[in-house]
C-alpha cells in the first residue's frame, strides 16, 4: 500500500473522504493530536517521530518508518482477522504509539473508526458497538459494565491485576494482553486473558453462570493459573530466540530492519511462543539468590488489592534485600502492613526467599506519562538510601 494513500473503505467518525487533504482538514475538528498525526502521516517524510513511554528508562524520541508501521497494521489485521469495514474505537492518547497505531490500522485496513477523548472510563457515554479497541488496564477496569460494546479488546501499558482477571472471565468480550514496545511498533505478541470457561467447567460445577460460593476462591485461583499458563503467541512473520541471559531476541524483518535485543527474561516454548518472566535489569540478588520481582508480584497479587510492587534495596548482609511497597491513601498504614504481612506468611506459593523483608506504604505512586508506575522515582520517595 502507498503510505500517501488510505484504504477506500476507511471512515473517521462515520465520514468517508475523497482525498487526504479532506481527511487532514476534518481531523482538526476531532483534536489537535489527531490533526498533527494525520499531517505527519501524509507528509513527504518516510518516518514518524514517536516518544517512548519511559517505563524502563528515560523517555526518548525515536523514528519509526511508515512502511514498517503499515506492515505492523497488516499483521494485526491478519492475526485477529480484522478486515475492511471493521468498526473500531480509539480511546488512547494519539500522541503515543498505541493510539497512533490504531489510526494507522484503520487507514491501512479500511476500518470505520471513532476517536474519543482518552478518559479512565471511555465507554461510559458510548452508545455504539465495535469490533475492536485497545485500552490500558485502568480503562478496562472502569469499563466492565459496558465492555459488551467491544467484541475484541487488546490491553497494554501495564499488567492486568489478579482482581481484574477474575472480573473479566464471564464477559463475552475477548480480551488479550499484548507484548511489545515503541521500538517494535506496539505489540509483536498476544496472550489470551479470558473466556476460559470451557476449561473451568470441566473442574467446577456451575449453574446458570453463577459460581457456587464455596468454590468461588478455587475458581478465581484456577483462572489465574490458566492465564499464567496461557503463552504469548507472535504475530505473523516474527521469530524469537533467547540470548545467554535468557532474554528475548526478536527477529521481525517486516517491522524492524534490525534484530531487537531486549532485557525481558522469558521462557521460550518455540520460535513463536513464550512466557514473559520479568526484566533482567530488575532482578534482585539477595544473598546469592536471584529473585525476579514480576514473578513475585504475580503471586502476591492474589492477596493485595492495592497497587504495589516489589524491589530490592542495598543491605549489608544480603547485598540486596526484597521489600514490598504498597499504595494506600488511608491513615491505617500500620494496620495494613500487619495485615499484608500475615497474609504473605500464609501464601504457600512464595518460597522463603520471596517473602519481603519489609513493607512500606505510600499515599501515591509516581507515574510515567503513559500511567505506568515509575518504580525508581516512587522508591526515591521513601528516602531509604
Protein backbone atom coordinates (compact mmCIF):
# COMPACT_ATOMS: atom_id res chain seq x y z
CA UNK A 1 0.00 0.00 0.00
CA UNK A 2 1.21 3.52 -0.83
CA UNK A 3 1.74 5.26 2.52
CA UNK A 4 0.48 8.50 0.98
CA UNK A 5 -2.92 6.92 0.36
CA UNK A 6 -5.59 5.40 2.58
CA UNK A 7 -7.95 2.46 2.12
CA UNK A 8 -11.09 3.24 0.14
CA UNK A 9 -13.29 1.78 2.90
CA UNK A 10 -11.75 3.97 5.63
CA UNK A 11 -14.13 6.11 7.67
CA UNK A 12 -13.46 8.52 10.53
CA UNK A 13 -16.34 9.48 12.84
CA UNK A 14 -18.67 7.93 10.24
CA UNK A 15 -17.36 10.09 7.40
CA UNK A 16 -15.67 8.97 4.15
CA UNK A 17 -13.07 11.10 2.37
CA UNK A 18 -12.21 11.73 -1.25
CA UNK A 19 -8.67 12.96 -0.58
CA UNK A 20 -6.02 13.14 2.11
CA UNK A 21 -6.46 16.92 2.17
CA UNK A 22 -10.13 16.49 3.11
CA UNK A 23 -9.15 13.93 5.77
CA UNK A 24 -6.48 16.16 7.31
CA UNK A 25 -8.85 19.14 7.35
CA UNK A 26 -11.61 17.15 9.02
CA UNK A 27 -9.25 15.66 11.60
CA UNK A 28 -8.65 19.13 13.03
CA UNK A 29 -12.25 19.07 14.26
CA UNK A 30 -11.51 15.99 16.40
CA UNK A 31 -8.37 17.02 18.29
CA UNK A 32 -5.03 18.70 17.81
CA UNK A 33 -3.27 15.36 18.36
CA UNK A 34 -5.21 13.59 15.60
CA UNK A 35 -4.71 16.55 13.26
CA UNK A 36 -0.95 16.62 13.85
CA UNK A 37 -0.68 12.88 13.32
CA UNK A 38 -2.60 12.98 10.03
CA UNK A 39 -0.39 15.83 8.80
CA UNK A 40 2.73 13.89 9.72
CA UNK A 41 1.48 10.62 8.25
CA UNK A 42 0.75 12.15 4.87
CA UNK A 43 3.80 14.41 4.63
CA UNK A 44 6.84 13.68 2.46
CA UNK A 45 8.92 12.12 5.24
CA UNK A 46 9.32 8.34 5.35
CA UNK A 47 9.14 8.14 9.14
CA UNK A 48 7.08 9.17 12.15
CA UNK A 49 8.64 10.53 15.34
CA UNK A 50 7.35 8.78 18.47
CA UNK A 51 8.13 9.23 22.15
CA UNK A 52 8.88 6.09 24.18
CA UNK A 53 6.94 5.52 27.41
CA UNK A 54 9.86 5.88 29.82
CA UNK A 55 8.74 2.93 31.95
CA UNK A 56 12.15 1.24 31.73
CA UNK A 57 14.36 4.28 31.23
CA UNK A 58 14.45 7.93 30.24
CA UNK A 59 11.76 8.76 27.62
CA UNK A 60 13.23 9.45 24.21
CA UNK A 61 12.03 10.30 20.72
CA UNK A 62 12.66 7.67 18.05
CA UNK A 63 11.90 7.49 14.34
CA UNK A 64 9.67 4.70 13.01
CA UNK A 65 9.49 4.07 9.28
CA UNK A 66 5.99 4.43 7.91
CA UNK A 67 6.31 1.34 5.70
CA UNK A 68 7.11 -0.75 8.80
CA UNK A 69 4.11 0.72 10.63
CA UNK A 70 1.97 -0.37 7.67
CA UNK A 71 3.38 -3.90 7.97
CA UNK A 72 2.58 -3.94 11.70
CA UNK A 73 -1.01 -2.92 10.95
CA UNK A 74 -1.34 -5.68 8.36
CA UNK A 75 -0.02 -8.25 10.85
CA UNK A 76 -2.57 -7.22 13.48
CA UNK A 77 -5.36 -7.43 10.93
CA UNK A 78 -4.27 -10.92 9.89
CA UNK A 79 -3.84 -12.20 13.47
CA UNK A 80 -7.30 -11.05 14.63
CA UNK A 81 -9.00 -11.45 11.24
CA UNK A 82 -9.99 -7.77 11.18
CA UNK A 83 -10.75 -6.91 7.59
CA UNK A 84 -12.12 -3.82 5.86
CA UNK A 85 -15.25 -2.26 7.41
CA UNK A 86 -14.17 -3.35 10.89
CA UNK A 87 -15.55 -0.89 13.43
CA UNK A 88 -13.00 0.31 15.98
CA UNK A 89 -12.84 2.74 18.88
CA UNK A 90 -9.72 4.83 19.57
CA UNK A 91 -9.73 5.81 23.25
CA UNK A 92 -6.00 6.02 23.98
CA UNK A 93 -3.79 9.12 23.56
CA UNK A 94 -2.76 9.62 19.94
CA UNK A 95 0.50 11.28 20.96
CA UNK A 96 1.88 7.84 21.93
CA UNK A 97 2.46 4.78 19.76
CA UNK A 98 -0.60 2.78 20.89
CA UNK A 99 -3.01 5.50 19.81
CA UNK A 100 -1.09 6.27 16.63
CA UNK A 101 -1.19 2.63 15.55
CA UNK A 102 -4.96 2.43 15.99
CA UNK A 103 -5.19 5.20 13.40
CA UNK A 104 -2.65 3.51 11.12
CA UNK A 105 -4.54 0.20 11.25
CA UNK A 106 -7.73 1.98 10.28
CA UNK A 107 -6.09 3.85 7.40
CA UNK A 108 -4.35 0.74 6.07
CA UNK A 109 -7.06 -1.87 6.61
CA UNK A 110 -10.12 0.23 5.80
CA UNK A 111 -11.69 0.37 9.23
CA UNK A 112 -14.52 2.60 10.38
CA UNK A 113 -13.14 4.31 13.47
CA UNK A 114 -14.40 6.73 16.06
CA UNK A 115 -11.91 8.72 18.12
CA UNK A 116 -12.93 9.83 21.62
CA UNK A 117 -11.10 11.87 24.23
CA UNK A 118 -8.96 9.50 26.34
CA UNK A 119 -10.53 9.07 29.79
CA UNK A 120 -10.39 6.48 32.55
CA UNK A 121 -13.91 5.28 31.59
CA UNK A 122 -14.07 5.62 27.78
CA UNK A 123 -17.21 3.53 27.19
CA UNK A 124 -19.38 5.41 29.69
CA UNK A 125 -21.13 7.60 27.12
CA UNK A 126 -20.71 5.33 24.08
CA UNK A 127 -23.96 4.10 22.52
CA UNK A 128 -22.42 2.03 19.68
CA UNK A 129 -20.85 -1.40 19.43
CA UNK A 130 -17.38 -2.01 18.00
CA UNK A 131 -15.41 -4.97 16.68
CA UNK A 132 -12.10 -3.83 18.14
CA UNK A 133 -10.43 -1.44 20.57
CA UNK A 134 -7.34 -1.01 22.75
CA UNK A 135 -7.13 0.10 26.39
CA UNK A 136 -4.83 0.26 29.39
CA UNK A 137 -5.77 -1.83 32.48
CA UNK A 138 -7.33 1.15 34.30
CA UNK A 139 -9.68 1.80 31.39
CA UNK A 140 -10.59 -1.87 31.23
CA UNK A 141 -11.36 -1.98 34.95
CA UNK A 142 -13.61 1.07 34.74
CA UNK A 143 -15.39 -0.17 31.59
CA UNK A 144 -16.54 -3.59 32.81
CA UNK A 145 -20.24 -2.69 32.83
CA UNK A 146 -20.06 -1.51 29.23
CA UNK A 147 -17.45 -3.89 27.85
CA UNK A 148 -20.09 -5.79 25.87
CA UNK A 149 -19.87 -2.89 23.41
CA UNK A 150 -16.45 -4.20 22.31
CA UNK A 151 -16.07 -7.60 20.63
CA UNK A 152 -12.26 -7.88 20.81
CA UNK A 153 -10.07 -5.84 23.11
CA UNK A 154 -6.29 -5.64 23.45
CA UNK A 155 -4.81 -4.40 26.72
CA UNK A 156 -1.33 -2.93 27.10
CA UNK A 157 0.66 -0.41 29.07
CA UNK A 158 0.81 -2.46 32.27
CA UNK A 159 -0.03 -5.77 33.89
CA UNK A 160 -3.64 -6.83 34.42
CA UNK A 161 -4.10 -7.48 38.14
CA UNK A 162 -5.32 -10.73 39.65
CA UNK A 163 -8.51 -8.99 40.79
CA UNK A 164 -9.22 -7.63 37.31
CA UNK A 165 -8.54 -11.02 35.72
CA UNK A 166 -11.28 -12.59 37.80
CA UNK A 167 -13.73 -9.84 36.80
CA UNK A 168 -13.33 -10.34 33.03
CA UNK A 169 -13.78 -14.12 32.93
CA UNK A 170 -17.56 -14.06 32.44
CA UNK A 171 -17.59 -11.20 29.96
CA UNK A 172 -18.23 -12.15 26.33
CA UNK A 173 -15.63 -9.69 25.04
CA UNK A 174 -12.42 -11.47 24.03
CA UNK A 175 -9.64 -9.75 26.00
CA UNK A 176 -5.96 -10.11 25.12
CA UNK A 177 -2.75 -8.87 26.73
CA UNK A 178 -0.11 -7.51 24.38
CA UNK A 179 3.67 -7.74 24.45
CA UNK A 180 5.64 -5.06 22.70
CA UNK A 181 7.29 -1.67 22.93
CA UNK A 182 7.57 1.50 20.93
CA UNK A 183 10.59 0.07 19.10
CA UNK A 184 8.51 -2.91 17.89
CA UNK A 185 5.68 -0.59 16.76
CA UNK A 186 3.38 -1.72 19.61
CA UNK A 187 2.64 -5.42 20.01
CA UNK A 188 4.50 -8.30 18.42
CA UNK A 189 2.79 -10.98 20.53
CA UNK A 190 -0.66 -11.62 22.01
CA UNK A 191 -1.84 -13.55 25.08
CA UNK A 192 -5.42 -14.67 25.82
CA UNK A 193 -6.76 -13.34 29.15
CA UNK A 194 -10.33 -14.58 29.44
CA UNK A 195 -13.07 -16.91 28.23
CA UNK A 196 -11.52 -20.00 29.79
CA UNK A 197 -14.97 -21.22 30.87
CA UNK A 198 -14.79 -24.42 28.83
CA UNK A 199 -11.72 -25.45 30.82
CA UNK A 200 -13.09 -24.35 34.18
CA UNK A 201 -16.43 -26.10 33.65
CA UNK A 202 -14.65 -29.43 33.49
CA UNK A 203 -13.41 -28.97 37.08
CA UNK A 204 -16.09 -26.84 38.75
CA UNK A 205 -19.85 -27.32 38.55
CA UNK A 206 -21.54 -24.06 37.63
CA UNK A 207 -25.25 -23.35 37.43
CA UNK A 208 -26.69 -20.53 35.34
CA UNK A 209 -23.23 -18.99 35.06
CA UNK A 210 -23.09 -18.38 38.82
CA UNK A 211 -20.13 -19.86 40.67
CA UNK A 212 -21.10 -21.66 43.90
CA UNK A 213 -19.85 -19.55 46.82
CA UNK A 214 -17.95 -22.50 48.34
CA UNK A 215 -15.86 -22.82 45.19
CA UNK A 216 -15.52 -19.15 44.31
CA UNK A 217 -11.94 -18.72 45.52
CA UNK A 218 -10.88 -22.00 43.93
CA UNK A 219 -12.26 -20.81 40.61
CA UNK A 220 -10.51 -17.44 40.91
CA UNK A 221 -7.18 -19.14 41.51
CA UNK A 222 -7.86 -21.54 38.64
CA UNK A 223 -8.46 -18.62 36.29
CA UNK A 224 -5.19 -17.03 37.43
CA UNK A 225 -3.35 -20.31 36.77
CA UNK A 226 -4.87 -20.57 33.29
CA UNK A 227 -3.89 -17.01 32.40
CA UNK A 228 -0.38 -17.64 33.72
CA UNK A 229 -0.17 -20.80 31.62
CA UNK A 230 -1.51 -19.01 28.55
CA UNK A 231 1.54 -18.12 26.47
CA UNK A 232 2.25 -15.14 24.28
CA UNK A 233 1.99 -16.00 20.60
CA UNK A 234 3.63 -13.89 17.93
CA UNK A 235 2.00 -12.09 15.06
CA UNK A 236 2.82 -13.31 11.53
CA UNK A 237 6.42 -13.13 10.22
CA UNK A 238 8.04 -12.83 13.66
CA UNK A 239 10.58 -15.31 15.03
CA UNK A 240 12.02 -15.42 18.53
CA UNK A 241 15.16 -16.63 20.28
CA UNK A 242 16.93 -16.00 23.59
CA UNK A 243 20.43 -14.80 24.43
CA UNK A 244 22.87 -16.14 27.04
CA UNK A 245 20.99 -14.23 29.77
CA UNK A 246 17.68 -15.82 28.84
CA UNK A 247 16.40 -12.54 27.39
CA UNK A 248 14.16 -12.34 24.34
CA UNK A 249 15.60 -11.68 20.87
CA UNK A 250 13.07 -10.54 18.27
CA UNK A 251 13.60 -11.12 14.56
CA UNK A 252 10.81 -9.23 12.80
CA UNK A 253 12.13 -8.06 9.42
CA UNK A 254 8.82 -6.55 8.36
CA UNK A 255 8.63 -4.19 11.34
CA UNK A 256 12.29 -3.70 12.23
CA UNK A 257 15.29 -3.68 9.94
CA UNK A 258 17.48 -4.73 12.87
CA UNK A 259 17.17 -7.69 15.22
CA UNK A 260 15.84 -6.39 18.54
CA UNK A 261 17.70 -7.40 21.70
CA UNK A 262 15.56 -6.96 24.81
CA UNK A 263 16.08 -7.10 28.57
CA UNK A 264 12.98 -9.25 29.01
CA UNK A 265 13.55 -12.62 30.64
CA UNK A 266 11.36 -15.26 29.03
CA UNK A 267 10.68 -18.97 28.94
CA UNK A 268 10.75 -19.84 25.23
CA UNK A 269 8.49 -22.71 24.09
CA UNK A 270 9.06 -22.29 20.36
CA UNK A 271 10.24 -19.61 17.99
CA UNK A 272 6.72 -18.14 18.08
CA UNK A 273 5.57 -18.74 21.67
CA UNK A 274 6.88 -17.66 25.07
CA UNK A 275 6.10 -16.83 28.69
CA UNK A 276 7.26 -13.47 30.00
CA UNK A 277 9.08 -13.74 33.33
CA UNK A 278 10.33 -10.24 34.07
CA UNK A 279 13.01 -7.66 33.38
CA UNK A 280 16.66 -8.71 33.50
CA UNK A 281 17.65 -5.30 34.84
CA UNK A 282 15.19 -5.60 37.74
CA UNK A 283 16.47 -8.96 39.03
CA UNK A 284 17.35 -8.80 42.72
CA UNK A 285 20.44 -10.65 44.00
CA UNK A 286 19.66 -11.32 47.65
CA UNK A 287 22.31 -13.36 49.40
CA UNK A 288 23.21 -15.08 46.14
CA UNK A 289 19.56 -15.94 45.35
CA UNK A 290 18.25 -14.30 42.16
CA UNK A 291 14.71 -13.02 42.56
CA UNK A 292 12.51 -11.82 39.68
CA UNK A 293 10.19 -9.08 41.00
CA UNK A 294 7.49 -9.61 38.38
CA UNK A 295 7.14 -13.28 39.27
CA UNK A 296 6.85 -12.48 42.97
CA UNK A 297 4.30 -9.75 42.23
CA UNK A 298 2.15 -12.20 40.29
CA UNK A 299 1.90 -14.37 43.41
CA UNK A 300 1.34 -11.52 45.89
CA UNK A 301 -1.39 -10.07 43.66
CA UNK A 302 -3.71 -12.79 44.94
CA UNK A 303 -3.78 -11.21 48.41
CA UNK A 304 -3.13 -7.47 47.87
CA UNK A 305 -5.84 -5.43 46.14
CA UNK A 306 -3.98 -2.09 46.22
CA UNK A 307 -1.35 -1.13 43.67
CA UNK A 308 2.05 -2.41 44.75
CA UNK A 309 5.45 -3.54 43.56
CA UNK A 310 8.48 -5.31 44.99
CA UNK A 311 12.06 -4.21 44.57
CA UNK A 312 15.48 -4.57 46.09
CA UNK A 313 17.40 -2.10 48.25
CA UNK A 314 21.02 -2.30 49.47
CA UNK A 315 21.64 -4.49 52.50
CA UNK A 316 24.96 -5.02 54.34
CA UNK A 317 24.35 -8.72 54.92
CA UNK A 318 22.46 -9.83 51.78
CA UNK A 319 23.77 -7.32 49.26
CA UNK A 320 20.15 -6.56 48.36
CA UNK A 321 17.00 -7.22 50.33
CA UNK A 322 13.50 -7.63 48.98
CA UNK A 323 10.90 -5.06 50.01
CA UNK A 324 7.22 -4.53 49.19
CA UNK A 325 5.81 -1.05 48.51
CA UNK A 326 2.03 -0.56 48.64
CA UNK A 327 -0.03 2.42 47.52
CA UNK A 328 -2.76 3.38 50.00
CA UNK A 329 -4.17 6.78 50.88
CA UNK A 330 -5.82 5.75 54.14
CA UNK A 331 -4.38 6.62 57.54
CA UNK A 332 -4.19 2.95 58.51
CA UNK A 333 -0.79 2.16 57.04
CA UNK A 334 0.49 0.30 60.10
CA UNK A 335 -2.53 -2.00 60.34
CA UNK A 336 -2.39 -2.54 56.58
CA UNK A 337 1.26 -3.61 56.79
CA UNK A 338 0.46 -6.05 59.60
CA UNK A 339 -2.48 -7.50 57.64
CA UNK A 340 -0.48 -7.91 54.43
CA UNK A 341 2.49 -9.45 56.20
CA UNK A 342 0.21 -12.01 57.88
CA UNK A 343 -1.33 -12.97 54.54
CA UNK A 344 2.08 -13.25 52.91
CA UNK A 345 3.23 -15.66 55.59
CA UNK A 346 0.32 -17.93 54.65
CA UNK A 347 0.85 -17.68 50.90
CA UNK A 348 2.27 -21.09 50.06
CA UNK A 349 3.20 -20.06 46.51
CA UNK A 350 6.01 -17.90 47.89
CA UNK A 351 9.23 -19.63 48.90
CA UNK A 352 11.14 -18.27 51.89
CA UNK A 353 13.40 -16.11 49.73
CA UNK A 354 10.40 -14.43 48.04
CA UNK A 355 8.92 -13.11 51.29
CA UNK A 356 9.60 -9.35 51.54
CA UNK A 357 11.85 -8.37 54.43
CA UNK A 358 9.99 -5.08 54.89
CA UNK A 359 6.71 -3.50 53.81
CA UNK A 360 6.27 0.22 53.11
CA UNK A 361 3.07 2.16 52.41
CA UNK A 362 2.94 5.34 50.31
CA UNK A 363 -0.01 7.64 49.73
CA UNK A 364 0.63 7.66 45.98
CA UNK A 365 2.92 6.25 43.30
CA UNK A 366 4.73 8.36 40.74
CA UNK A 367 3.66 7.50 37.19
CA UNK A 368 5.07 7.91 33.70
CA UNK A 369 3.21 9.89 31.03
CA UNK A 370 1.53 6.65 29.96
CA UNK A 371 0.32 5.97 33.53
CA UNK A 372 2.77 3.18 34.30
CA UNK A 373 4.38 3.07 37.72
CA UNK A 374 7.76 4.79 37.75
CA UNK A 375 9.38 2.41 40.18
CA UNK A 376 12.65 4.22 40.76
CA UNK A 377 11.10 7.63 41.38
CA UNK A 378 8.47 6.06 43.64
CA UNK A 379 11.19 4.24 45.58
CA UNK A 380 13.04 7.54 45.98
CA UNK A 381 10.06 8.91 47.92
CA UNK A 382 10.97 6.58 50.79
CA UNK A 383 14.45 8.12 51.24
CA UNK A 384 15.92 4.75 52.14
CA UNK A 385 19.43 5.49 50.90
